[in-house]
Each structure stands twice: as C-alpha cells, then as structure tokens.
Amino acid sequence: MVTDKRRAHIARVVDLLRAWAQALALPPLEVQAWVDAGAWHDALRDADEVTLRADTGDHARPFGMLHGPAAAIRLTAEGESRQDVLDAIRWHTVGQANWSQVGRALYMADFLEPGRSFMQADRAFLANCVPKAFDQVFRQVVRMRLEWAIREGKGLAPETVALWDQVR
C-alpha cells in the first residue's frame, strides 16, 4: 500500500541503511535485518485511517503514528519473528528507548535520507558521520526531531520522551 513517491523514499532509506551497515562491517544477518526494516517501515504509510485503526485496534493515537504498528502486526502474522526488526518498524515514527541498533539505524535513515527537502546540508553531513559516530549522530537526530515537534506544536509521544531521557 505505497505510492510511487513513498516507494522512492523507502528505496533511499534502504540504500542509506545498506551503506551504513557495509561501512560498519556488520555480519550478513544484521545487514539483512537493517535492509528488511527499511524496506517494510512504510509499507502501510499510505493506507487509510479505517484500515490502520482496524489493524492496530488503536483508536487513541494520531493517525500518522499507526502505520508502523500496523506493519509490525501484519509482519508478525506473516511469520516475521525478529523482534528487533519488528520493534524498529513499530516505533520508527516516535522512537523507543530499548531499541537495538537496527531500530536506531532506521530512525536515523528515515530522517536523514537525501530525498527530504529540509536542512539538506546538515542532514547529509550527519548521514556521512553515522559509520564513524553512530551513537552521537543518533542522539543528534533524536534532538533535532524533538526540536521540530516542539517548534511545530506537535505532541510528544511517551515513547519519544523516554527515548530522549535515555540518550541525553
């Protein structure tokens, strides 16, 4: 359930994740986890609200936060059992304090992928730094996303606050 525009975003996220994983010399199974998380993270991003609320049973969270949990639920039903991949997909929009490296990588790649039009030079610089300073870039991305949410008057999910408390 993705548009061509969304498919292009997903491809850029996967390319970034693959490049980072290779630069970090991750083992093949970990590289595959990163690539799979990127490939599936927005699989339901363009689904309608009725579908996502039915899939998740969640009638409280904002509609824009439901595609990750819905995708994780569907993947579980189809046999995906890698909890780190499922958690990465489930929480990629808000963050999660107990993520493994795959969740953190997806969170960064989704924000830093080069197709986004804002802060291009800053985000490109950070994307290039990930293999050398993974944790430091992750903290910076969390901070930037929090600052944007606050500046735009968006609410902060409890998971986002817990993530900030964990990395600051």
N, C-alpha and C. Protein backbone atom coordinates (compact mmCIF):
# COMPACT_ATOMS: atom_id res chain seq x y z
N MET A 1 0.84 -1.18 0.00
CA MET A 1 0.00 0.00 0.00
C MET A 1 0.88 1.24 0.00
N VAL A 2 1.67 1.42 -1.06
CA VAL A 2 2.53 2.58 -1.13
C VAL A 2 2.43 3.23 -2.51
N THR A 3 2.56 4.54 -2.51
CA THR A 3 2.59 5.30 -3.74
C THR A 3 4.01 5.25 -4.33
N ASP A 4 4.15 5.71 -5.56
CA ASP A 4 5.48 5.77 -6.16
C ASP A 4 6.40 6.68 -5.37
N LYS A 5 5.89 7.80 -4.86
CA LYS A 5 6.68 8.72 -4.06
C LYS A 5 7.18 8.02 -2.79
N ARG A 6 6.30 7.26 -2.15
CA ARG A 6 6.67 6.54 -0.93
C ARG A 6 7.68 5.45 -1.25
N ARG A 7 7.49 4.76 -2.37
CA ARG A 7 8.41 3.71 -2.78
C ARG A 7 9.82 4.28 -2.97
N ALA A 8 9.91 5.49 -3.54
CA ALA A 8 11.21 6.13 -3.73
C ALA A 8 11.84 6.47 -2.37
N HIS A 9 11.05 6.95 -1.43
CA HIS A 9 11.54 7.22 -0.08
C HIS A 9 12.08 5.94 0.55
N ILE A 10 11.33 4.87 0.46
CA ILE A 10 11.74 3.59 1.04
C ILE A 10 13.07 3.15 0.42
N ALA A 11 13.21 3.29 -0.89
CA ALA A 11 14.45 2.89 -1.56
C ALA A 11 15.63 3.71 -1.06
N ARG A 12 15.44 5.01 -0.83
CA ARG A 12 16.53 5.84 -0.31
C ARG A 12 16.89 5.44 1.12
N VAL A 13 15.89 5.11 1.93
CA VAL A 13 16.15 4.66 3.30
C VAL A 13 16.95 3.35 3.26
N VAL A 14 16.55 2.42 2.44
CA VAL A 14 17.24 1.14 2.32
C VAL A 14 18.68 1.34 1.83
N ASP A 15 18.86 2.21 0.85
CA ASP A 15 20.22 2.47 0.35
C ASP A 15 21.12 3.01 1.45
N LEU A 16 20.59 3.93 2.25
CA LEU A 16 21.36 4.50 3.34
C LEU A 16 21.69 3.44 4.39
N LEU A 17 20.71 2.64 4.76
CA LEU A 17 20.93 1.58 5.74
C LEU A 17 21.97 0.58 5.24
N ARG A 18 21.86 0.20 3.98
CA ARG A 18 22.81 -0.77 3.42
C ARG A 18 24.23 -0.19 3.42
N ALA A 19 24.36 1.07 3.03
CA ALA A 19 25.68 1.71 3.02
C ALA A 19 26.29 1.79 4.42
N TRP A 20 25.48 2.19 5.39
CA TRP A 20 25.98 2.24 6.77
C TRP A 20 26.38 0.86 7.28
N ALA A 21 25.53 -0.12 7.04
CA ALA A 21 25.81 -1.47 7.51
C ALA A 21 27.11 -2.00 6.91
N GLN A 22 27.32 -1.74 5.64
CA GLN A 22 28.55 -2.19 5.00
C GLN A 22 29.76 -1.44 5.55
N ALA A 23 29.62 -0.13 5.75
CA ALA A 23 30.72 0.66 6.31
C ALA A 23 31.08 0.21 7.72
N LEU A 24 30.08 -0.25 8.45
CA LEU A 24 30.31 -0.74 9.81
C LEU A 24 30.75 -2.21 9.84
N ALA A 25 30.82 -2.82 8.65
CA ALA A 25 31.22 -4.22 8.51
C ALA A 25 30.36 -5.15 9.38
N LEU A 26 29.05 -4.91 9.34
CA LEU A 26 28.13 -5.75 10.11
C LEU A 26 28.05 -7.14 9.49
N PRO A 27 27.76 -8.15 10.30
CA PRO A 27 27.58 -9.51 9.76
C PRO A 27 26.36 -9.55 8.82
N PRO A 28 26.38 -10.48 7.87
CA PRO A 28 25.30 -10.54 6.87
C PRO A 28 23.88 -10.58 7.44
N LEU A 29 23.66 -11.31 8.53
CA LEU A 29 22.30 -11.37 9.10
C LEU A 29 21.86 -10.01 9.66
N GLU A 30 22.80 -9.26 10.22
CA GLU A 30 22.47 -7.93 10.73
C GLU A 30 22.20 -6.96 9.57
N VAL A 31 23.00 -7.06 8.53
CA VAL A 31 22.76 -6.23 7.33
C VAL A 31 21.35 -6.51 6.81
N GLN A 32 20.98 -7.78 6.74
CA GLN A 32 19.65 -8.13 6.25
C GLN A 32 18.56 -7.57 7.15
N ALA A 33 18.77 -7.57 8.46
CA ALA A 33 17.79 -7.00 9.39
C ALA A 33 17.61 -5.51 9.12
N TRP A 34 18.71 -4.81 8.93
CA TRP A 34 18.64 -3.36 8.65
C TRP A 34 17.88 -3.12 7.34
N VAL A 35 18.22 -3.87 6.30
CA VAL A 35 17.58 -3.71 4.99
C VAL A 35 16.09 -4.04 5.08
N ASP A 36 15.76 -5.13 5.75
CA ASP A 36 14.34 -5.50 5.87
C ASP A 36 13.55 -4.45 6.64
N ALA A 37 14.11 -3.94 7.73
CA ALA A 37 13.42 -2.89 8.49
C ALA A 37 13.16 -1.68 7.60
N GLY A 38 14.15 -1.29 6.83
CA GLY A 38 13.97 -0.16 5.92
C GLY A 38 12.94 -0.44 4.84
N ALA A 39 12.97 -1.63 4.30
CA ALA A 39 12.04 -1.98 3.22
C ALA A 39 10.60 -2.02 3.68
N TRP A 40 10.37 -2.38 4.93
CA TRP A 40 9.00 -2.56 5.42
C TRP A 40 8.48 -1.42 6.28
N HIS A 41 9.33 -0.48 6.67
CA HIS A 41 8.92 0.51 7.67
C HIS A 41 7.72 1.35 7.23
N ASP A 42 7.61 1.67 5.98
CA ASP A 42 6.49 2.48 5.48
C ASP A 42 5.55 1.69 4.58
N ALA A 43 5.54 0.37 4.73
CA ALA A 43 4.71 -0.47 3.87
C ALA A 43 3.23 -0.10 3.92
N LEU A 44 2.78 0.45 5.05
CA LEU A 44 1.37 0.82 5.19
C LEU A 44 1.19 2.33 5.39
N ARG A 45 2.21 3.12 5.07
CA ARG A 45 2.16 4.57 5.30
C ARG A 45 1.02 5.23 4.52
N ASP A 46 0.68 4.70 3.38
CA ASP A 46 -0.36 5.31 2.56
C ASP A 46 -1.72 4.63 2.71
N ALA A 47 -1.84 3.74 3.68
CA ALA A 47 -3.13 3.09 3.95
C ALA A 47 -4.07 4.11 4.60
N ASP A 48 -5.35 3.88 4.46
CA ASP A 48 -6.33 4.81 5.04
C ASP A 48 -6.49 4.58 6.54
N GLU A 49 -7.08 5.57 7.19
CA GLU A 49 -7.23 5.53 8.64
C GLU A 49 -8.07 4.36 9.12
N VAL A 50 -9.14 4.06 8.41
CA VAL A 50 -10.02 2.96 8.82
C VAL A 50 -9.23 1.65 8.85
N THR A 51 -8.42 1.42 7.82
CA THR A 51 -7.62 0.20 7.74
C THR A 51 -6.62 0.13 8.88
N LEU A 52 -5.91 1.23 9.13
CA LEU A 52 -4.87 1.22 10.16
C LEU A 52 -5.47 1.08 11.56
N ARG A 53 -6.60 1.72 11.81
CA ARG A 53 -7.23 1.57 13.12
C ARG A 53 -7.76 0.15 13.31
N ALA A 54 -8.28 -0.45 12.25
CA ALA A 54 -8.74 -1.84 12.33
C ALA A 54 -7.57 -2.78 12.56
N ASP A 55 -6.46 -2.55 11.85
CA ASP A 55 -5.29 -3.41 12.00
C ASP A 55 -4.68 -3.34 13.40
N THR A 56 -4.66 -2.14 13.97
CA THR A 56 -3.99 -1.95 15.26
C THR A 56 -4.94 -2.04 16.45
N GLY A 57 -6.22 -1.78 16.23
CA GLY A 57 -7.17 -1.68 17.34
C GLY A 57 -6.97 -0.41 18.15
N ASP A 58 -6.15 0.49 17.65
CA ASP A 58 -5.80 1.73 18.36
C ASP A 58 -6.70 2.86 17.86
N HIS A 59 -7.51 3.39 18.76
CA HIS A 59 -8.39 4.50 18.42
C HIS A 59 -8.01 5.77 19.14
N ALA A 60 -6.84 5.77 19.78
CA ALA A 60 -6.42 6.93 20.57
C ALA A 60 -5.26 7.69 19.92
N ARG A 61 -4.27 6.97 19.41
CA ARG A 61 -3.10 7.65 18.84
C ARG A 61 -3.47 8.39 17.57
N PRO A 62 -2.71 9.43 17.26
CA PRO A 62 -2.94 10.12 15.99
C PRO A 62 -2.75 9.17 14.81
N PHE A 63 -3.51 9.38 13.78
CA PHE A 63 -3.49 8.54 12.58
C PHE A 63 -2.08 8.36 12.03
N GLY A 64 -1.27 9.41 12.00
CA GLY A 64 0.07 9.34 11.44
C GLY A 64 1.03 8.44 12.18
N MET A 65 0.65 8.00 13.37
CA MET A 65 1.51 7.12 14.17
C MET A 65 1.13 5.64 14.03
N LEU A 66 0.16 5.33 13.22
CA LEU A 66 -0.36 3.97 13.19
C LEU A 66 0.26 3.06 12.15
N HIS A 67 0.90 3.62 11.12
CA HIS A 67 1.40 2.76 10.05
C HIS A 67 2.52 1.83 10.50
N GLY A 68 3.37 2.28 11.43
CA GLY A 68 4.44 1.41 11.93
C GLY A 68 3.89 0.23 12.73
N PRO A 69 3.04 0.50 13.74
CA PRO A 69 2.46 -0.62 14.47
C PRO A 69 1.66 -1.57 13.57
N ALA A 70 0.91 -1.02 12.62
CA ALA A 70 0.12 -1.87 11.72
C ALA A 70 1.02 -2.76 10.88
N ALA A 71 2.12 -2.20 10.38
CA ALA A 71 3.05 -3.01 9.58
C ALA A 71 3.68 -4.11 10.43
N ALA A 72 4.06 -3.79 11.67
CA ALA A 72 4.65 -4.79 12.55
C ALA A 72 3.65 -5.92 12.86
N ILE A 73 2.41 -5.56 13.07
CA ILE A 73 1.37 -6.56 13.33
C ILE A 73 1.19 -7.48 12.13
N ARG A 74 1.13 -6.89 10.94
CA ARG A 74 0.97 -7.71 9.73
C ARG A 74 2.18 -8.60 9.50
N LEU A 75 3.38 -8.06 9.71
CA LEU A 75 4.58 -8.86 9.52
C LEU A 75 4.64 -10.03 10.49
N THR A 76 4.22 -9.79 11.73
CA THR A 76 4.18 -10.87 12.72
C THR A 76 3.22 -11.95 12.25
N ALA A 77 2.06 -11.54 11.76
CA ALA A 77 1.07 -12.50 11.27
C ALA A 77 1.60 -13.31 10.08
N GLU A 78 2.50 -12.71 9.31
CA GLU A 78 3.08 -13.40 8.15
C GLU A 78 4.33 -14.20 8.50
N GLY A 79 4.69 -14.22 9.80
CA GLY A 79 5.78 -15.08 10.23
C GLY A 79 7.08 -14.40 10.59
N GLU A 80 7.15 -13.07 10.49
CA GLU A 80 8.38 -12.38 10.90
C GLU A 80 8.55 -12.54 12.40
N SER A 81 9.74 -12.98 12.81
CA SER A 81 9.96 -13.24 14.24
C SER A 81 11.15 -12.47 14.81
N ARG A 82 11.86 -11.71 14.01
CA ARG A 82 12.99 -10.94 14.54
C ARG A 82 12.44 -9.73 15.30
N GLN A 83 12.50 -9.82 16.62
CA GLN A 83 11.90 -8.78 17.45
C GLN A 83 12.54 -7.42 17.22
N ASP A 84 13.84 -7.38 16.96
CA ASP A 84 14.50 -6.09 16.72
C ASP A 84 13.99 -5.43 15.45
N VAL A 85 13.70 -6.21 14.43
CA VAL A 85 13.15 -5.68 13.18
C VAL A 85 11.71 -5.19 13.43
N LEU A 86 10.93 -5.99 14.10
CA LEU A 86 9.54 -5.61 14.39
C LEU A 86 9.47 -4.36 15.25
N ASP A 87 10.33 -4.26 16.26
CA ASP A 87 10.35 -3.07 17.12
C ASP A 87 10.80 -1.84 16.33
N ALA A 88 11.78 -2.00 15.46
CA ALA A 88 12.24 -0.88 14.63
C ALA A 88 11.08 -0.34 13.79
N ILE A 89 10.36 -1.21 13.17
CA ILE A 89 9.24 -0.81 12.30
C ILE A 89 8.11 -0.22 13.14
N ARG A 90 7.76 -0.89 14.22
CA ARG A 90 6.65 -0.45 15.07
C ARG A 90 6.85 0.98 15.57
N TRP A 91 8.06 1.32 15.98
CA TRP A 91 8.31 2.58 16.67
C TRP A 91 9.07 3.62 15.84
N HIS A 92 9.26 3.39 14.54
CA HIS A 92 10.14 4.28 13.77
C HIS A 92 9.66 5.73 13.71
N THR A 93 8.40 6.00 13.94
CA THR A 93 7.93 7.39 13.89
C THR A 93 8.13 8.12 15.21
N VAL A 94 8.15 7.41 16.33
CA VAL A 94 8.23 8.07 17.63
C VAL A 94 9.49 7.74 18.42
N GLY A 95 10.13 6.66 18.09
CA GLY A 95 11.31 6.24 18.84
C GLY A 95 10.95 5.26 19.94
N GLN A 96 11.99 4.63 20.47
CA GLN A 96 11.78 3.62 21.51
C GLN A 96 13.07 3.50 22.30
N ALA A 97 13.00 3.65 23.59
CA ALA A 97 14.19 3.72 24.43
C ALA A 97 14.99 2.42 24.45
N ASN A 98 14.37 1.29 24.26
CA ASN A 98 15.06 0.00 24.37
C ASN A 98 15.42 -0.62 23.03
N TRP A 99 15.49 0.20 22.00
CA TRP A 99 15.83 -0.30 20.68
C TRP A 99 17.20 -0.94 20.61
N SER A 100 17.32 -1.89 19.73
CA SER A 100 18.64 -2.40 19.34
C SER A 100 19.18 -1.45 18.25
N GLN A 101 20.33 -1.78 17.73
CA GLN A 101 20.96 -0.92 16.72
C GLN A 101 20.10 -0.81 15.46
N VAL A 102 19.34 -1.83 15.11
CA VAL A 102 18.53 -1.76 13.89
C VAL A 102 17.44 -0.69 14.03
N GLY A 103 16.83 -0.56 15.17
CA GLY A 103 15.82 0.47 15.38
C GLY A 103 16.41 1.86 15.30
N ARG A 104 17.57 2.03 15.92
CA ARG A 104 18.25 3.33 15.90
C ARG A 104 18.67 3.69 14.48
N ALA A 105 19.17 2.71 13.75
CA ALA A 105 19.59 2.96 12.37
C ALA A 105 18.39 3.37 11.51
N LEU A 106 17.28 2.67 11.65
CA LEU A 106 16.09 3.01 10.87
C LEU A 106 15.59 4.41 11.21
N TYR A 107 15.56 4.74 12.48
CA TYR A 107 15.11 6.07 12.92
C TYR A 107 15.96 7.16 12.27
N MET A 108 17.28 6.94 12.22
CA MET A 108 18.16 7.92 11.59
C MET A 108 17.98 7.95 10.08
N ALA A 109 17.94 6.79 9.46
CA ALA A 109 17.83 6.75 8.00
C ALA A 109 16.53 7.37 7.51
N ASP A 110 15.45 7.15 8.23
CA ASP A 110 14.16 7.72 7.85
C ASP A 110 14.21 9.25 7.88
N PHE A 111 14.97 9.80 8.80
CA PHE A 111 15.12 11.25 8.94
C PHE A 111 16.19 11.82 8.01
N LEU A 112 17.27 11.09 7.83
CA LEU A 112 18.43 11.62 7.11
C LEU A 112 18.44 11.31 5.62
N GLU A 113 17.51 10.50 5.15
CA GLU A 113 17.55 10.12 3.73
C GLU A 113 17.54 11.38 2.85
N PRO A 114 18.30 11.38 1.76
CA PRO A 114 18.56 12.60 1.00
C PRO A 114 17.39 13.16 0.20
N GLY A 115 16.28 12.48 0.12
CA GLY A 115 15.15 13.00 -0.65
C GLY A 115 14.32 14.03 0.08
N ARG A 116 14.54 14.19 1.35
CA ARG A 116 13.79 15.18 2.12
C ARG A 116 14.36 16.56 1.82
N SER A 117 13.49 17.57 1.78
CA SER A 117 13.90 18.89 1.28
C SER A 117 14.44 19.84 2.34
N PHE A 118 14.32 19.52 3.60
CA PHE A 118 14.74 20.46 4.65
C PHE A 118 16.16 20.15 5.13
N MET A 119 16.87 21.17 5.53
CA MET A 119 18.20 21.05 6.14
C MET A 119 19.08 20.04 5.41
N GLN A 120 19.13 20.12 4.10
CA GLN A 120 19.81 19.10 3.31
C GLN A 120 21.29 18.98 3.64
N ALA A 121 21.99 20.09 3.75
CA ALA A 121 23.44 20.03 4.02
C ALA A 121 23.71 19.44 5.41
N ASP A 122 22.95 19.87 6.41
CA ASP A 122 23.13 19.36 7.77
C ASP A 122 22.83 17.86 7.84
N ARG A 123 21.74 17.46 7.20
CA ARG A 123 21.36 16.05 7.25
C ARG A 123 22.35 15.18 6.47
N ALA A 124 22.87 15.69 5.35
CA ALA A 124 23.87 14.94 4.58
C ALA A 124 25.15 14.77 5.40
N PHE A 125 25.55 15.83 6.10
CA PHE A 125 26.73 15.75 6.96
C PHE A 125 26.54 14.67 8.02
N LEU A 126 25.39 14.69 8.69
CA LEU A 126 25.12 13.69 9.73
C LEU A 126 25.08 12.28 9.14
N ALA A 127 24.44 12.11 7.99
CA ALA A 127 24.37 10.79 7.36
C ALA A 127 25.76 10.24 7.08
N ASN A 128 26.67 11.10 6.65
CA ASN A 128 28.04 10.68 6.38
C ASN A 128 28.80 10.32 7.65
N CYS A 129 28.38 10.87 8.78
CA CYS A 129 29.06 10.61 10.05
C CYS A 129 28.59 9.34 10.75
N VAL A 130 27.48 8.77 10.34
CA VAL A 130 26.91 7.63 11.06
C VAL A 130 27.91 6.49 11.24
N PRO A 131 28.63 6.05 10.21
CA PRO A 131 29.55 4.92 10.43
C PRO A 131 30.69 5.23 11.42
N LYS A 132 31.05 6.48 11.57
CA LYS A 132 32.15 6.86 12.46
C LYS A 132 31.67 7.24 13.86
N ALA A 133 30.43 7.68 13.98
CA ALA A 133 29.92 8.20 15.25
C ALA A 133 28.44 7.86 15.41
N PHE A 134 28.13 6.58 15.35
CA PHE A 134 26.74 6.12 15.34
C PHE A 134 25.94 6.69 16.50
N ASP A 135 26.41 6.50 17.71
CA ASP A 135 25.65 6.93 18.89
C ASP A 135 25.50 8.44 18.97
N GLN A 136 26.54 9.17 18.61
CA GLN A 136 26.49 10.63 18.65
C GLN A 136 25.50 11.17 17.61
N VAL A 137 25.51 10.59 16.42
CA VAL A 137 24.56 11.03 15.40
C VAL A 137 23.14 10.67 15.81
N PHE A 138 22.98 9.50 16.39
CA PHE A 138 21.64 9.11 16.84
C PHE A 138 21.10 10.13 17.84
N ARG A 139 21.91 10.49 18.81
CA ARG A 139 21.48 11.48 19.80
C ARG A 139 21.10 12.80 19.13
N GLN A 140 21.89 13.23 18.16
CA GLN A 140 21.62 14.48 17.46
C GLN A 140 20.31 14.39 16.67
N VAL A 141 20.05 13.26 16.04
CA VAL A 141 18.81 13.09 15.28
C VAL A 141 17.61 13.11 16.22
N VAL A 142 17.72 12.44 17.36
CA VAL A 142 16.63 12.48 18.34
C VAL A 142 16.37 13.93 18.75
N ARG A 143 17.44 14.65 19.06
CA ARG A 143 17.30 16.05 19.47
C ARG A 143 16.65 16.90 18.38
N MET A 144 17.09 16.72 17.15
CA MET A 144 16.52 17.51 16.03
C MET A 144 15.04 17.20 15.84
N ARG A 145 14.68 15.94 15.93
CA ARG A 145 13.27 15.58 15.76
C ARG A 145 12.42 16.11 16.91
N LEU A 146 12.94 16.09 18.13
CA LEU A 146 12.22 16.67 19.26
C LEU A 146 12.05 18.18 19.09
N GLU A 147 13.12 18.84 18.70
CA GLU A 147 13.04 20.30 18.49
C GLU A 147 11.99 20.64 17.44
N TRP A 148 11.95 19.87 16.36
CA TRP A 148 10.95 20.12 15.31
C TRP A 148 9.54 19.94 15.87
N ALA A 149 9.32 18.84 16.58
CA ALA A 149 7.98 18.57 17.13
C ALA A 149 7.55 19.69 18.06
N ILE A 150 8.44 20.16 18.90
CA ILE A 150 8.11 21.24 19.83
C ILE A 150 7.85 22.54 19.07
N ARG A 151 8.73 22.86 18.12
CA ARG A 151 8.58 24.08 17.33
C ARG A 151 7.25 24.10 16.56
N GLU A 152 6.84 22.94 16.06
CA GLU A 152 5.60 22.84 15.28
C GLU A 152 4.36 22.65 16.14
N GLY A 153 4.54 22.60 17.46
CA GLY A 153 3.41 22.44 18.36
C GLY A 153 2.83 21.04 18.36
N LYS A 154 3.63 20.07 17.97
CA LYS A 154 3.17 18.67 17.96
C LYS A 154 3.27 18.10 19.37
N GLY A 155 2.46 17.15 19.67
CA GLY A 155 2.58 16.46 20.94
C GLY A 155 3.75 15.50 20.91
N LEU A 156 4.24 15.17 22.08
CA LEU A 156 5.33 14.20 22.19
C LEU A 156 4.77 12.90 22.74
N ALA A 157 5.00 11.83 22.00
CA ALA A 157 4.57 10.52 22.47
C ALA A 157 5.40 10.12 23.69
N PRO A 158 4.82 9.36 24.61
CA PRO A 158 5.59 8.91 25.79
C PRO A 158 6.87 8.17 25.39
N GLU A 159 6.82 7.43 24.29
CA GLU A 159 7.99 6.69 23.82
C GLU A 159 9.11 7.64 23.40
N THR A 160 8.73 8.78 22.81
CA THR A 160 9.71 9.77 22.39
C THR A 160 10.40 10.40 23.59
N VAL A 161 9.63 10.73 24.60
CA VAL A 161 10.20 11.31 25.82
C VAL A 161 11.12 10.30 26.50
N ALA A 162 10.72 9.06 26.56
CA ALA A 162 11.56 8.02 27.16
C ALA A 162 12.86 7.84 26.37
N LEU A 163 12.77 7.92 25.06
CA LEU A 163 13.97 7.82 24.23
C LEU A 163 14.92 8.97 24.53
N TRP A 164 14.41 10.20 24.59
CA TRP A 164 15.24 11.35 24.90
C TRP A 164 15.89 11.18 26.27
N ASP A 165 15.10 10.76 27.25
CA ASP A 165 15.64 10.56 28.59
C ASP A 165 16.77 9.53 28.59
N GLN A 166 16.70 8.57 27.71
CA GLN A 166 17.71 7.51 27.64
C GLN A 166 18.98 7.99 26.94
N VAL A 167 18.89 8.86 25.94
CA VAL A 167 20.07 9.24 25.16
C VAL A 167 20.74 10.54 25.62
N ARG A 168 20.03 11.39 26.37
CA ARG A 168 20.62 12.69 26.71
C ARG A 168 21.68 12.61 27.77
